[in-house]
Structures are given as C-alpha cells and as structure tokens.
Amino acid sequence: MSGTTDKVKGTANEAIGKAKQGVGEAVGSDRLQGEGAVQEVKGKGQKAVGDAKEATKDAINKAAAAANKNL
C-alpha cells in the first residue's frame, strides 16, 4: 500500500471508531465503546505508517536527486 492509501484508511478507521464510541455511549454498550476505541487507535497507527512511508519516499527521492546532480 502507498502512504496515501494508509493515511486514507487510517482516517476512515479513526472516524468509524469515534462513531462507534459515541453510539456505544448513547446506548450504554461498553463493548461497542471498546471496539470503537480499538478501531480509532488502529486508524491512528495506519496514519502514522502512511506518514513514515511518505517520509521515506521523500528522503530516497532527495538522495537520488543529489546523486544525479553529482554525475
């Protein structure tokens, strides 16, 4: 997966997790609140992976550009 894909999926999981927590709180379901919290954390992790992938790609591209300049 690309960094952008990870970030989009992470954002979706965060939003769904927050919604589940809200619904769980509204109906008094600790289980649903817990699932929502887990999904929200999963989304944050996916976004972090996406950021790391993009940072790595940017660093590689900069290194390649610098190497090409020296040729």
Protein backbone atom coordinates (compact mmCIF):
# COMPACT_ATOMS: atom_id res chain seq x y z
CA MET A 1 0.00 0.00 0.00
CA SER A 2 1.09 3.53 -0.61
CA GLY A 3 1.47 6.08 2.11
CA THR A 4 -1.59 7.94 0.90
CA THR A 5 -3.70 4.78 0.97
CA ASP A 6 -2.61 4.06 4.53
CA LYS A 7 -3.48 7.60 5.58
CA VAL A 8 -6.94 7.46 3.96
CA LYS A 9 -7.73 4.10 5.55
CA GLY A 10 -6.42 5.39 8.87
CA THR A 11 -8.63 8.46 8.72
CA ALA A 12 -11.66 6.26 7.94
CA ASN A 13 -10.89 3.90 10.81
CA GLU A 14 -10.47 6.82 13.21
CA ALA A 15 -13.83 8.28 12.19
CA ILE A 16 -15.63 4.94 12.40
CA GLY A 17 -14.02 4.26 15.78
CA LYS A 18 -15.15 7.60 17.16
CA ALA A 19 -18.67 6.98 15.84
CA LYS A 20 -18.79 3.53 17.45
CA GLN A 21 -17.70 5.03 20.76
CA GLY A 22 -20.44 7.64 20.54
CA VAL A 23 -23.12 5.09 19.71
CA GLY A 24 -21.82 2.79 22.43
CA GLU A 25 -22.02 5.59 24.96
CA ALA A 26 -25.52 6.55 23.81
CA VAL A 27 -26.89 3.02 24.14
CA GLY A 28 -24.81 2.09 27.18
CA SER A 29 -22.70 -0.55 25.43
CA ASP A 30 -19.23 -0.89 26.92
CA ARG A 31 -18.39 -3.45 24.24
CA LEU A 32 -19.17 -1.05 21.40
CA GLN A 33 -17.25 1.73 23.13
CA GLY A 34 -14.25 -0.58 23.45
CA GLU A 35 -14.42 -1.67 19.82
CA GLY A 36 -14.58 1.97 18.80
CA ALA A 37 -11.54 2.86 20.88
CA VAL A 38 -9.55 -0.01 19.38
CA GLN A 39 -10.56 0.97 15.84
CA GLU A 40 -9.66 4.60 16.48
CA VAL A 41 -6.18 3.61 17.70
CA LYS A 42 -5.79 1.33 14.68
CA GLY A 43 -6.59 4.29 12.43
CA LYS A 44 -4.01 6.47 14.15
CA GLY A 45 -1.45 3.72 13.61
CA GLN A 46 -2.32 3.44 9.93
CA LYS A 47 -1.91 7.18 9.51
CA ALA A 48 1.49 7.03 11.20
CA VAL A 49 2.58 4.23 8.85
CA GLY A 50 1.44 6.33 5.89
CA ASP A 51 3.41 9.32 7.14
CA ALA A 52 6.51 7.16 7.60
CA LYS A 53 6.20 5.71 4.09
CA GLU A 54 5.89 9.17 2.58
CA ALA A 55 8.85 10.48 4.58
CA THR A 56 10.97 7.52 3.46
CA LYS A 57 9.96 8.03 -0.16
CA ASP A 58 10.79 11.74 0.06
CA ALA A 59 14.21 11.02 1.59
CA ILE A 60 15.01 8.49 -1.13
CA ASN A 61 13.96 10.89 -3.86
CA LYS A 62 16.10 13.68 -2.37
CA ALA A 63 19.10 11.36 -2.12
CA ALA A 64 18.63 10.24 -5.73
CA ALA A 65 18.33 13.83 -6.92
CA ALA A 66 21.51 14.78 -5.06
CA ALA A 67 23.35 11.79 -6.51
CA ASN A 68 22.20 12.68 -10.03
CA LYS A 69 23.47 16.25 -9.57
CA ASN A 70 26.93 14.94 -8.79
CA LEU A 71 27.11 12.90 -12.01
